Amino acid sequence: MRRHDRTGPDGLNLREDTVPLRRQAEEMRDLYANEIAAAVHEGRTPTAHQLASWVRYRAMAASDDPAQLIQTSSSPETGRS
């Protein structure tokens, strides 16, 4: 499959194969943000897992190469690389 470069909203070139990963990361980031907001609204402290996951997916969503972050960081869901 041939990769095509294109320019993203920030003016940087995005490889087409990173777009699905970025969208998934954005969805997961938003899911964890909602869980954190619900916990705070209910007077609870968000769990360390929720916070770590939100941080990880936020970084992936903002990254030029989300796949690189998947390969180099441990998974908050499993705690393993």
PDB file of N, CA and C in Angstrom:
ATOM      1  N   MET A   1       0.835  -1.171   0.000  1.00  0.00           N
ATOM      2  CA  MET A   1       0.000   0.000   0.000  1.00  0.00           C
ATOM      3  C   MET A   1       0.887   1.243   0.000  1.00  0.00           C
ATOM      4  N   ARG A   2       0.607   2.145  -0.881  1.00  0.00           N
ATOM      5  CA  ARG A   2       1.387   3.362  -0.994  1.00  0.00           C
ATOM      6  C   ARG A   2       0.927   4.375   0.046  1.00  0.00           C
ATOM      7  N   ARG A   3       1.869   5.001   0.686  1.00  0.00           N
ATOM      8  CA  ARG A   3       1.549   6.033   1.671  1.00  0.00           C
ATOM      9  C   ARG A   3       1.526   7.387   0.985  1.00  0.00           C
ATOM     10  N   HIS A   4       0.549   8.174   1.324  1.00  0.00           N
ATOM     11  CA  HIS A   4       0.441   9.524   0.792  1.00  0.00           C
ATOM     12  C   HIS A   4       0.600  10.496   1.944  1.00  0.00           C
ATOM     13  N   ASP A   5       1.394  11.510   1.715  1.00  0.00           N
ATOM     14  CA  ASP A   5       1.530  12.544   2.731  1.00  0.00           C
ATOM     15  C   ASP A   5       0.516  13.640   2.456  1.00  0.00           C
ATOM     16  N   ARG A   6       0.025  14.221   3.510  1.00  0.00           N
ATOM     17  CA  ARG A   6      -0.866  15.364   3.375  1.00  0.00           C
ATOM     18  C   ARG A   6      -0.631  16.281   4.554  1.00  0.00           C
ATOM     19  N   THR A   7      -1.134  17.465   4.458  1.00  0.00           N
ATOM     20  CA  THR A   7      -0.930  18.445   5.506  1.00  0.00           C
ATOM     21  C   THR A   7      -2.109  18.440   6.454  1.00  0.00           C
ATOM     22  N   GLY A   8      -1.807  18.383   7.740  1.00  0.00           N
ATOM     23  CA  GLY A   8      -2.839  18.405   8.768  1.00  0.00           C
ATOM     24  C   GLY A   8      -3.217  19.826   9.125  1.00  0.00           C
ATOM     25  N   PRO A   9      -4.164  19.998  10.049  1.00  0.00           N
ATOM     26  CA  PRO A   9      -4.630  21.332  10.416  1.00  0.00           C
ATOM     27  C   PRO A   9      -3.539  22.213  11.015  1.00  0.00           C
ATOM     28  N   ASP A  10      -2.502  21.598  11.558  1.00  0.00           N
ATOM     29  CA  ASP A  10      -1.413  22.376  12.139  1.00  0.00           C
ATOM     30  C   ASP A  10      -0.315  22.683  11.126  1.00  0.00           C
ATOM     31  N   GLY A  11      -0.537  22.307   9.853  1.00  0.00           N
ATOM     32  CA  GLY A  11       0.430  22.575   8.806  1.00  0.00           C
ATOM     33  C   GLY A  11       1.496  21.515   8.655  1.00  0.00           C
ATOM     34  N   LEU A  12       1.469  20.491   9.501  1.00  0.00           N
ATOM     35  CA  LEU A  12       2.449  19.416   9.419  1.00  0.00           C
ATOM     36  C   LEU A  12       1.950  18.327   8.487  1.00  0.00           C
ATOM     37  N   ASN A  13       2.865  17.636   7.856  1.00  0.00           N
ATOM     38  CA  ASN A  13       2.479  16.520   7.000  1.00  0.00           C
ATOM     39  C   ASN A  13       2.058  15.335   7.850  1.00  0.00           C
ATOM     40  N   LEU A  14       0.944  14.732   7.476  1.00  0.00           N
ATOM     41  CA  LEU A  14       0.442  13.551   8.167  1.00  0.00           C
ATOM     42  C   LEU A  14       0.428  12.389   7.192  1.00  0.00           C
ATOM     43  N   ARG A  15       0.946  11.259   7.603  1.00  0.00           N
ATOM     44  CA  ARG A  15       0.825  10.061   6.782  1.00  0.00           C
ATOM     45  C   ARG A  15      -0.585   9.535   6.943  1.00  0.00           C
ATOM     46  N   GLU A  16      -1.170   9.057   5.865  1.00  0.00           N
ATOM     47  CA  GLU A  16      -2.545   8.562   5.912  1.00  0.00           C
ATOM     48  C   GLU A  16      -2.718   7.427   6.900  1.00  0.00           C
ATOM     49  N   ASP A  17      -1.683   6.606   7.094  1.00  0.00           N
ATOM     50  CA  ASP A  17      -1.840   5.472   8.001  1.00  0.00           C
ATOM     51  C   ASP A  17      -1.864   5.899   9.469  1.00  0.00           C
ATOM     52  N   THR A  18      -1.531   7.154   9.777  1.00  0.00           N
ATOM     53  CA  THR A  18      -1.606   7.609  11.163  1.00  0.00           C
ATOM     54  C   THR A  18      -2.976   8.164  11.519  1.00  0.00           C
ATOM     55  N   VAL A  19      -3.780   8.502  10.527  1.00  0.00           N
ATOM     56  CA  VAL A  19      -5.074   9.124  10.795  1.00  0.00           C
ATOM     57  C   VAL A  19      -5.997   8.210  11.597  1.00  0.00           C
ATOM     58  N   PRO A  20      -6.165   6.921  11.247  1.00  0.00           N
ATOM     59  CA  PRO A  20      -7.030   6.064  12.077  1.00  0.00           C
ATOM     60  C   PRO A  20      -6.524   5.938  13.514  1.00  0.00           C
ATOM     61  N   LEU A  21      -5.220   5.862  13.698  1.00  0.00           N
ATOM     62  CA  LEU A  21      -4.666   5.795  15.053  1.00  0.00           C
ATOM     63  C   LEU A  21      -4.946   7.080  15.819  1.00  0.00           C
ATOM     64  N   ARG A  22      -4.810   8.201  15.140  1.00  0.00           N
ATOM     65  CA  ARG A  22      -5.074   9.488  15.789  1.00  0.00           C
ATOM     66  C   ARG A  22      -6.546   9.586  16.182  1.00  0.00           C
ATOM     67  N   ARG A  23      -7.435   9.179  15.301  1.00  0.00           N
ATOM     68  CA  ARG A  23      -8.870   9.225  15.619  1.00  0.00           C
ATOM     69  C   ARG A  23      -9.196   8.320  16.803  1.00  0.00           C
ATOM     70  N   GLN A  24      -8.620   7.130  16.816  1.00  0.00           N
ATOM     71  CA  GLN A  24      -8.848   6.215  17.938  1.00  0.00           C
ATOM     72  C   GLN A  24      -8.310   6.814  19.234  1.00  0.00           C
ATOM     73  N   ALA A  25      -7.133   7.416  19.162  1.00  0.00           N
ATOM     74  CA  ALA A  25      -6.552   8.050  20.350  1.00  0.00           C
ATOM     75  C   ALA A  25      -7.434   9.200  20.834  1.00  0.00           C
ATOM     76  N   GLU A  26      -7.981   9.983  19.897  1.00  0.00           N
ATOM     77  CA  GLU A  26      -8.875  11.079  20.279  1.00  0.00           C
ATOM     78  C   GLU A  26     -10.127  10.549  20.966  1.00  0.00           C
ATOM     79  N   GLU A  27     -10.684   9.466  20.434  1.00  0.00           N
ATOM     80  CA  GLU A  27     -11.876   8.867  21.039  1.00  0.00           C
ATOM     81  C   GLU A  27     -11.581   8.349  22.447  1.00  0.00           C
ATOM     82  N   MET A  28     -10.449   7.679  22.608  1.00  0.00           N
ATOM     83  CA  MET A  28     -10.090   7.151  23.925  1.00  0.00           C
ATOM     84  C   MET A  28      -9.777   8.291  24.898  1.00  0.00           C
ATOM     85  N   ARG A  29      -9.098   9.326  24.412  1.00  0.00           N
ATOM     86  CA  ARG A  29      -8.818  10.503  25.249  1.00  0.00           C
ATOM     87  C   ARG A  29     -10.132  11.100  25.762  1.00  0.00           C
ATOM     88  N   ASP A  30     -11.104  11.249  24.861  1.00  0.00           N
ATOM     89  CA  ASP A  30     -12.396  11.823  25.243  1.00  0.00           C
ATOM     90  C   ASP A  30     -13.157  10.910  26.197  1.00  0.00           C
ATOM     91  N   LEU A  31     -13.066   9.603  25.981  1.00  0.00           N
ATOM     92  CA  LEU A  31     -13.732   8.651  26.870  1.00  0.00           C
ATOM     93  C   LEU A  31     -13.193   8.787  28.292  1.00  0.00           C
ATOM     94  N   TYR A  32     -11.866   8.816  28.422  1.00  0.00           N
ATOM     95  CA  TYR A  32     -11.270   8.953  29.752  1.00  0.00           C
ATOM     96  C   TYR A  32     -11.538  10.335  30.342  1.00  0.00           C
ATOM     97  N   ALA A  33     -11.568  11.375  29.520  1.00  0.00           N
ATOM     98  CA  ALA A  33     -11.897  12.711  30.021  1.00  0.00           C
ATOM     99  C   ALA A  33     -13.305  12.727  30.603  1.00  0.00           C
ATOM    100  N   ASN A  34     -14.230  12.058  29.936  1.00  0.00           N
ATOM    101  CA  ASN A  34     -15.606  11.983  30.441  1.00  0.00           C
ATOM    102  C   ASN A  34     -15.677  11.205  31.749  1.00  0.00           C
ATOM    103  N   GLU A  35     -14.914  10.105  31.847  1.00  0.00           N
ATOM    104  CA  GLU A  35     -14.890   9.336  33.095  1.00  0.00           C
ATOM    105  C   GLU A  35     -14.319  10.170  34.243  1.00  0.00           C
ATOM    106  N   ILE A  36     -13.272  10.918  33.958  1.00  0.00           N
ATOM    107  CA  ILE A  36     -12.657  11.773  34.974  1.00  0.00           C
ATOM    108  C   ILE A  36     -13.634  12.866  35.394  1.00  0.00           C
ATOM    109  N   ALA A  37     -14.288  13.491  34.423  1.00  0.00           N
ATOM    110  CA  ALA A  37     -15.261  14.546  34.731  1.00  0.00           C
ATOM    111  C   ALA A  37     -16.420  14.005  35.560  1.00  0.00           C
ATOM    112  N   ALA A  38     -16.896  12.810  35.225  1.00  0.00           N
ATOM    113  CA  ALA A  38     -17.998  12.204  35.984  1.00  0.00           C
ATOM    114  C   ALA A  38     -17.573  11.933  37.425  1.00  0.00           C
ATOM    115  N   ALA A  39     -16.361  11.439  37.595  1.00  0.00           N
ATOM    116  CA  ALA A  39     -15.867  11.168  38.949  1.00  0.00           C
ATOM    117  C   ALA A  39     -15.799  12.455  39.762  1.00  0.00           C
ATOM    118  N   VAL A  40     -15.247  13.501  39.175  1.00  0.00           N
ATOM    119  CA  VAL A  40     -15.130  14.780  39.875  1.00  0.00           C
ATOM    120  C   VAL A  40     -16.519  15.336  40.189  1.00  0.00           C
ATOM    121  N   HIS A  41     -17.427  15.247  39.232  1.00  0.00           N
ATOM    122  CA  HIS A  41     -18.793  15.742  39.435  1.00  0.00           C
ATOM    123  C   HIS A  41     -19.486  15.016  40.592  1.00  0.00           C
ATOM    124  N   GLU A  42     -19.187  13.731  40.736  1.00  0.00           N
ATOM    125  CA  GLU A  42     -19.787  12.926  41.806  1.00  0.00           C
ATOM    126  C   GLU A  42     -19.032  13.044  43.131  1.00  0.00           C
ATOM    127  N   GLY A  43     -17.982  13.864  43.157  1.00  0.00           N
ATOM    128  CA  GLY A  43     -17.223  14.056  44.385  1.00  0.00           C
ATOM    129  C   GLY A  43     -16.178  12.984  44.641  1.00  0.00           C
ATOM    130  N   ARG A  44     -15.892  12.170  43.624  1.00  0.00           N
ATOM    131  CA  ARG A  44     -14.877  11.124  43.765  1.00  0.00           C
ATOM    132  C   ARG A  44     -13.569  11.602  43.152  1.00  0.00           C
ATOM    133  N   THR A  45     -12.496  10.980  43.567  1.00  0.00           N
ATOM    134  CA  THR A  45     -11.197  11.227  42.961  1.00  0.00           C
ATOM    135  C   THR A  45     -11.028  10.266  41.793  1.00  0.00           C
ATOM    136  N   PRO A  46     -10.649  10.773  40.608  1.00  0.00           N
ATOM    137  CA  PRO A  46     -10.406   9.862  39.489  1.00  0.00           C
ATOM    138  C   PRO A  46      -9.301   8.870  39.847  1.00  0.00           C
ATOM    139  N   THR A  47      -9.390   7.677  39.299  1.00  0.00           N
ATOM    140  CA  THR A  47      -8.380   6.662  39.583  1.00  0.00           C
ATOM    141  C   THR A  47      -7.078   6.992  38.862  1.00  0.00           C
ATOM    142  N   ALA A  48      -6.000   6.434  39.359  1.00  0.00           N
ATOM    143  CA  ALA A  48      -4.698   6.610  38.709  1.00  0.00           C
ATOM    144  C   ALA A  48      -4.739   6.060  37.289  1.00  0.00           C
ATOM    145  N   HIS A  49      -5.452   4.974  37.087  1.00  0.00           N
ATOM    146  CA  HIS A  49      -5.589   4.375  35.757  1.00  0.00           C
ATOM    147  C   HIS A  49      -6.272   5.349  34.794  1.00  0.00           C
ATOM    148  N   GLN A  50      -7.346   5.984  35.234  1.00  0.00           N
ATOM    149  CA  GLN A  50      -8.050   6.940  34.380  1.00  0.00           C
ATOM    150  C   GLN A  50      -7.144   8.108  34.005  1.00  0.00           C
ATOM    151  N   LEU A  51      -6.432   8.631  34.979  1.00  0.00           N
ATOM    152  CA  LEU A  51      -5.549   9.768  34.721  1.00  0.00           C
ATOM    153  C   LEU A  51      -4.397   9.392  33.794  1.00  0.00           C
ATOM    154  N   ALA A  52      -3.760   8.255  34.060  1.00  0.00           N
ATOM    155  CA  ALA A  52      -2.635   7.817  33.222  1.00  0.00           C
ATOM    156  C   ALA A  52      -3.096   7.537  31.797  1.00  0.00           C
ATOM    157  N   SER A  53      -4.262   6.947  31.662  1.00  0.00           N
ATOM    158  CA  SER A  53      -4.786   6.647  30.329  1.00  0.00           C
ATOM    159  C   SER A  53      -5.098   7.927  29.570  1.00  0.00           C
ATOM    160  N   TRP A  54      -5.707   8.893  30.254  1.00  0.00           N
ATOM    161  CA  TRP A  54      -6.015  10.158  29.598  1.00  0.00           C
ATOM    162  C   TRP A  54      -4.736  10.840  29.119  1.00  0.00           C
ATOM    163  N   VAL A  55      -3.708  10.860  29.970  1.00  0.00           N
ATOM    164  CA  VAL A  55      -2.432  11.479  29.596  1.00  0.00           C
ATOM    165  C   VAL A  55      -1.843  10.786  28.372  1.00  0.00           C
ATOM    166  N   ARG A  56      -1.863   9.462  28.379  1.00  0.00           N
ATOM    167  CA  ARG A  56      -1.284   8.705  27.268  1.00  0.00           C
ATOM    168  C   ARG A  56      -2.033   8.969  25.963  1.00  0.00           C
ATOM    169  N   TYR A  57      -3.355   8.883  26.003  1.00  0.00           N
ATOM    170  CA  TYR A  57      -4.127   9.079  24.777  1.00  0.00           C
ATOM    171  C   TYR A  57      -4.096  10.530  24.314  1.00  0.00           C
ATOM    172  N   ARG A  58      -3.977  11.472  25.234  1.00  0.00           N
ATOM    173  CA  ARG A  58      -3.832  12.876  24.850  1.00  0.00           C
ATOM    174  C   ARG A  58      -2.530  13.074  24.077  1.00  0.00           C
ATOM    175  N   ALA A  59      -1.461  12.461  24.567  1.00  0.00           N
ATOM    176  CA  ALA A  59      -0.169  12.560  23.876  1.00  0.00           C
ATOM    177  C   ALA A  59      -0.235  11.900  22.502  1.00  0.00           C
ATOM    178  N   MET A  60      -0.898  10.755  22.426  1.00  0.00           N
ATOM    179  CA  MET A  60      -1.021  10.063  21.137  1.00  0.00           C
ATOM    180  C   MET A  60      -1.830  10.893  20.148  1.00  0.00           C
ATOM    181  N   ALA A  61      -2.907  11.525  20.608  1.00  0.00           N
ATOM    182  CA  ALA A  61      -3.758  12.321  19.724  1.00  0.00           C
ATOM    183  C   ALA A  61      -3.016  13.542  19.193  1.00  0.00           C
ATOM    184  N   ALA A  62      -2.093  14.075  19.974  1.00  0.00           N
ATOM    185  CA  ALA A  62      -1.348  15.266  19.573  1.00  0.00           C
ATOM    186  C   ALA A  62      -0.068  14.939  18.808  1.00  0.00           C
ATOM    187  N   SER A  63       0.313  13.678  18.779  1.00  0.00           N
ATOM    188  CA  SER A  63       1.584  13.270  18.179  1.00  0.00           C
ATOM    189  C   SER A  63       1.531  13.263  16.653  1.00  0.00           C
ATOM    190  N   ASP A  64       2.675  13.554  16.044  1.00  0.00           N
ATOM    191  CA  ASP A  64       2.791  13.425  14.592  1.00  0.00           C
ATOM    192  C   ASP A  64       2.813  11.966  14.176  1.00  0.00           C
ATOM    193  N   ASP A  65       3.224  11.075  15.077  1.00  0.00           N
ATOM    194  CA  ASP A  65       3.291   9.644  14.775  1.00  0.00           C
ATOM    195  C   ASP A  65       2.778   8.843  15.971  1.00  0.00           C
ATOM    196  N   PRO A  66       1.446   8.699  16.094  1.00  0.00           N
ATOM    197  CA  PRO A  66       0.887   7.971  17.231  1.00  0.00           C
ATOM    198  C   PRO A  66       1.415   6.547  17.360  1.00  0.00           C
ATOM    199  N   ALA A  67       1.730   5.911  16.248  1.00  0.00           N
ATOM    200  CA  ALA A  67       2.231   4.536  16.289  1.00  0.00           C
ATOM    201  C   ALA A  67       3.540   4.455  17.066  1.00  0.00           C
ATOM    202  N   GLN A  68       4.364   5.472  16.955  1.00  0.00           N
ATOM    203  CA  GLN A  68       5.636   5.489  17.679  1.00  0.00           C
ATOM    204  C   GLN A  68       5.393   5.482  19.183  1.00  0.00           C
ATOM    205  N   LEU A  69       4.387   6.210  19.650  1.00  0.00           N
ATOM    206  CA  LEU A  69       4.085   6.231  21.085  1.00  0.00           C
ATOM    207  C   LEU A  69       3.549   4.894  21.559  1.00  0.00           C
ATOM    208  N   ILE A  70       2.812   4.206  20.717  1.00  0.00           N
ATOM    209  CA  ILE A  70       2.312   2.879  21.079  1.00  0.00           C
ATOM    210  C   ILE A  70       3.484   1.938  21.302  1.00  0.00           C
ATOM    211  N   GLN A  71       4.486   2.029  20.436  1.00  0.00           N
ATOM    212  CA  GLN A  71       5.622   1.118  20.492  1.00  0.00           C
ATOM    213  C   GLN A  71       6.576   1.439  21.632  1.00  0.00           C
ATOM    214  N   THR A  72       6.623   2.695  22.083  1.00  0.00           N
ATOM    215  CA  THR A  72       7.645   3.077  23.057  1.00  0.00           C
ATOM    216  C   THR A  72       7.134   3.263  24.473  1.00  0.00           C
ATOM    217  N   SER A  73       5.831   3.212  24.682  1.00  0.00           N
ATOM    218  CA  SER A  73       5.318   3.423  26.038  1.00  0.00           C
ATOM    219  C   SER A  73       4.590   2.190  26.533  1.00  0.00           C
ATOM    220  N   SER A  74       4.494   2.089  27.850  1.00  0.00           N
ATOM    221  CA  SER A  74       3.753   0.963  28.410  1.00  0.00           C
ATOM    222  C   SER A  74       2.267   1.255  28.334  1.00  0.00           C
ATOM    223  N   SER A  75       1.494   0.225  28.265  1.00  0.00           N
ATOM    224  CA  SER A  75       0.048   0.353  28.175  1.00  0.00           C
ATOM    225  C   SER A  75      -0.538   0.613  29.550  1.00  0.00           C
ATOM    226  N   PRO A  76      -1.352   1.678  29.714  1.00  0.00           N
ATOM    227  CA  PRO A  76      -1.962   1.911  31.019  1.00  0.00           C
ATOM    228  C   PRO A  76      -2.961   0.814  31.379  1.00  0.00           C
ATOM    229  N   GLU A  77      -3.497   0.145  30.368  1.00  0.00           N
ATOM    230  CA  GLU A  77      -4.460  -0.911  30.632  1.00  0.00           C
ATOM    231  C   GLU A  77      -3.804  -2.149  31.233  1.00  0.00           C
ATOM    232  N   THR A  78      -2.566  -2.433  30.825  1.00  0.00           N
ATOM    233  CA  THR A  78      -1.907  -3.649  31.281  1.00  0.00           C
ATOM    234  C   THR A  78      -0.686  -3.378  32.140  1.00  0.00           C
ATOM    235  N   GLY A  79      -0.122  -2.154  32.015  1.00  0.00           N
ATOM    236  CA  GLY A  79       1.096  -1.843  32.745  1.00  0.00           C
ATOM    237  C   GLY A  79       2.330  -2.461  32.119  1.00  0.00           C
ATOM    238  N   ARG A  80       2.171  -3.010  30.912  1.00  0.00           N
ATOM    239  CA  ARG A  80       3.295  -3.644  30.217  1.00  0.00           C
ATOM    240  C   ARG A  80       3.584  -2.907  28.929  1.00  0.00           C
ATOM    241  N   SER A  81       4.785  -3.111  28.418  1.00  0.00           N
ATOM    242  CA  SER A  81       5.169  -2.531  27.137  1.00  0.00           C
ATOM    243  C   SER A  81       4.627  -3.360  26.013  1.00  0.00           C
TER     244      SER A  81
END
